[in-house]
Each structure stands twice: as C-alpha cells, then as structure tokens.
Amino acid sequence: MFDELSARFEDAVKGLRGENKISEDNVDIALKQVRRALLEADVSLSVVKEFVEEVRQQAIGAEVVRGVKPGEKFIQVVHQQLIEVMGKANAPLANATEKPSVILMAGLQGAGKTTASAKLGLYLKEQGLRPLLVAADVYRPAAIEQLNTLGNQIGVDVFSLGKDLKPEEIASSGLLKAKEEGFDTLIVDTAGRLQIDEGMMSEMVRIRSAVNPDEVLLVVDSMIGQEAAELTKSFHEKVGITGAVLTKLDGDSRGGAALSIRKVSGQPIKFIGTGEKVEALQPFHPERMAGRILGMGDVLTLVEKAQKEVEIADAEQMQRKFQEATFDFSDFVKQMRLIKRMGSLGGLMKMIPGMNKIDDGMLKSGEDQLKRIEAMIGSMTNSERSQPELLAAHPSRRRRIATGSGHSLAEVDKVLADFQKMRGLMKQMSSGAGMPGFPGLGGQVGMPGMPSTHQGARGGGGGVRPPKRQRPHKKKKGFGDL
C-alpha cells in the first residue's frame, strides 16, 4: 500500500538536499515531483492542484529554524497538508441515544460490501456492543448465504427473510427485531448497484426511509482510484451518505481514493479494509495514513494490533523468558502464529518507521524462511523444542529433523546456531550491555521474522557488515537472515 507514492515523495525531498533554505526555485522542483506522484497515484486532478498550491504557500513562507534541514521542513508541510486533505481526524460512528443505532451499507457491485458489513459487525462486537446484521441483498446469488456464513464465523447474529420480500420490508423487520431483542446496532447489507441504475438508487432511498439510519456508509473499492471520489459525491447527492469505507487497500491500490474522497465529496472515510480476513478492518486516522504515505510508519496501529492479540500475562511471561534466555522453539512458534493473526509480515514491518524501504522480495523471502523454520520445529519432539541444547549435543537428532522437515542438515544446524546466538543476545540486552556491532541495539543476528536492516533496503542502509575476508560463502539461511 502506497509504496510507489512513498518512493516518489522521497525523490521530491532529495531535490532539497544541500539547500540552505526553501526558495521558490527549489520548492518548484520538489513540487513537480509531488504533483507527478499524486497524479500517478490516481488522485483527483482538482485535489492535486489545490494540494500542490497549499504546500507551495506554506513551504515558501515557513521559517526553517537552525538544525532543521529544508527537506525536513518540506516533509513536515506535506505531512500536515496530507492530514488536512484526508480530514484532520478520525470521524467516529454516530451513536444514537435511542438504540439501536442503524447503519445502512451502500456501494457498487463488487466493492466488497457484504464482507465489509461482517467486518464492521466484528469490530463493534469487539467494542463491547451487540450488533445485528440484516441480509437485505435479495438480488445477488448466495449473498444471504455469504452473510450468514460470515455471521456464524464471527459470532454475530444475522437476520434474513429470504429473497421474496422487498429489501425495505426486510430492513424494517430487522429493525423491529433489534428493538425487541435489545441489539445495540443494526447493520443493513444492501444490494450492489450502479450509479446509472435509477431503479436501484430509488430502492436505496426507500430502504433509507424505512429504517431512518444514523449512518449511511458507502463501501468503495480503492482500486478504482480517483473515480472513488466522484462516486462518493454521486451517491451522496442521490441517497445522502454520511461516510465511506475504503476496501482493498492491501492490494495494488495506488492511494488516490484515500486522498480524494474527503476533499471532493465532503464525506469522511470512517474505516479502511486492509485484507481479506474478517478482522482486517481499521478506523481511518488521517494522521496515521499520512505517516504511512511519507514512510514514517504507523506505530500506533501496530501497537493496537498487538494489544488486541496479546494477553498481558502472556507478554509478561515472554519478557521473563527473554531476560532469562529461556525462550525456546515452542515460544518461537507461538510468536509466529501471533504475527500471522496480526496480518502479513510485510504489512506489519511497514508500520515500523524506516522499514517501508525494505524490498518486497526480501519480505517474501523472510516469510518463506519462517515457513521453513516452522517445518523444522514441527519435526522436533516436545523435549527438543523446550531444550534446544539437546539438539546441539546430538547430531542424530538434527539429522532426523532435517529428514522429517525436508531440509538439509546444514540448514538445521544454521537455524540452531542462530537461535542459540539470539538467546545470548537477548540476555545481553536485558542486562543493559547492548549488542555487538550496534551499541544498545543489535548485531548481525535479527529478531525472528524481522528482515535485517542492512539487507534489501533501497539506497543502502544501516547495519554493520563484516570485513570482506570474513564473509562466509554460500551461506545457508537461518534466523539471522530473516
């Protein structure tokens, strides 16, 4: 997400390096890069023009204080303007004083509306609410079955009356059930429609009149680029929407929709879909998205993901194991599964400041290596997992694991050696002694699942490499290469 846009913004800043101040001449060069980046990202032309002009005025008039480089000041201005364009702050869902709050889901065909409805239901459930999903799409084959399946999967009730009744009648009956049975929120999934289909748009108006919703959320596929903003505007004029849910941001989206919707339509993005899993829905925070676009990472979202998955007791127990160097292979498997629940390794890494430059090929290699290590651990006995020293003392055990996992003995040896070295480094860190090669940080061995910062990053990067004569040839991959 936004990788190409981030790289373009970085190129724009490079033009200001070596300058003593921001002037009209050098800022014009940078803004040409910004303009090209936004247009290639499918941002609406009107938004691009206004954005570039605002940045120009703020950048030229900005006072660059001593110790702050012009490029850094330019990034600050761009960051602030990105936040302004996307809506300044998160726009929360309406909370009706008289329950249930009613949310009507609208959108084009194929935008992912039914899945988004289920994702929203799970999100509200995790907030301590009791939502009810209403299957009011009577046209698409299997739409009702899909919503029922998703509802069962996430433990959220689904109300349906089949395909014979009108959608507005189903929605109205669903609202009555929600009131009678004490549901907090009603989420009505409607049929996908086309802007030019006046009959379907009129039906949407009738559904709205039947349930009088507190929110009308338009589900928008981010892959359609700058058309997303005009789509939001059109739906708002015909139906009256209160916000948007931007889906498929984990795909090949170039980011234009996220930057255009609020400015063109006047309606905020309230949620973003970041994957196929039902859990992959996040509230939209403009300042966090601006940080991702500019390669600053998104630590807050990463922390929220971790807090959602990790129990405090488990975290404290794992911390003790790190400090005492008793972290074992079973713990490693547990950590890998935690990462999988939080999302892809690549998606998580790019939320860490500075890690957006890690090459996708490197991340893919790291994910593949994790799978190979998991296969090796799967071939170990319980005692071998909890006591890696047994493997170090008995070559026959390592040979059995190599055969059982389909890998070479050398690969198993490398994994074991890196694991033991990593435990030693963790103990060294907990004692406050720091790590060799990186004072206070780390040396050549990376944390499990984390690509080393000296590999795969565009434009070089940090990391201490051994002298050429010390570099091993045809090195087998282990923990330190992730």
Foldseek 3Di string as FASTA:
>chain_A
DLLQLQVLLVVLLVLQPPPPADALVSNVSSLVSNLVSLVVLQADPVLSVVLSVQLSVCLRPDDADPPGGSSNVSLVSSLVSLCVLQPVWADAADADPDDAAEEEEAEAPPLCGLLVLLLVCLVVVVVVFAEEEEELALDDPCSLVVNVVSCVVSVHHYFYDHNPDHSLVSLLVQRVVCNVVVGRYYYYRYHHDDLPPPVVLVSLQSSCVSNVHSFYEYRGELQVGNVLQVVLQSSCVRRNGAAYEYEDPQDPNSCNNSSHNCNRRVHHHQWYANDDDSNRIDGDTSSQVSCLNNQQARVPVLVVLLVVQDDPVNVVVVLVCLQVLQCFQVNVVVVVVSCVSSPQLLVSQSNHRPSSQFAPVLLVVLVVQVVLVVLLVVQADPVCRRPVVVCVVDVVRLCSSCVRSVHDSLLSVQQSVLSSVSSVQSNCLSVVCAEPPDRSDYAQADARSDADQQPRGPPGGDHDDDPPVPDDPPDHDYRSHD
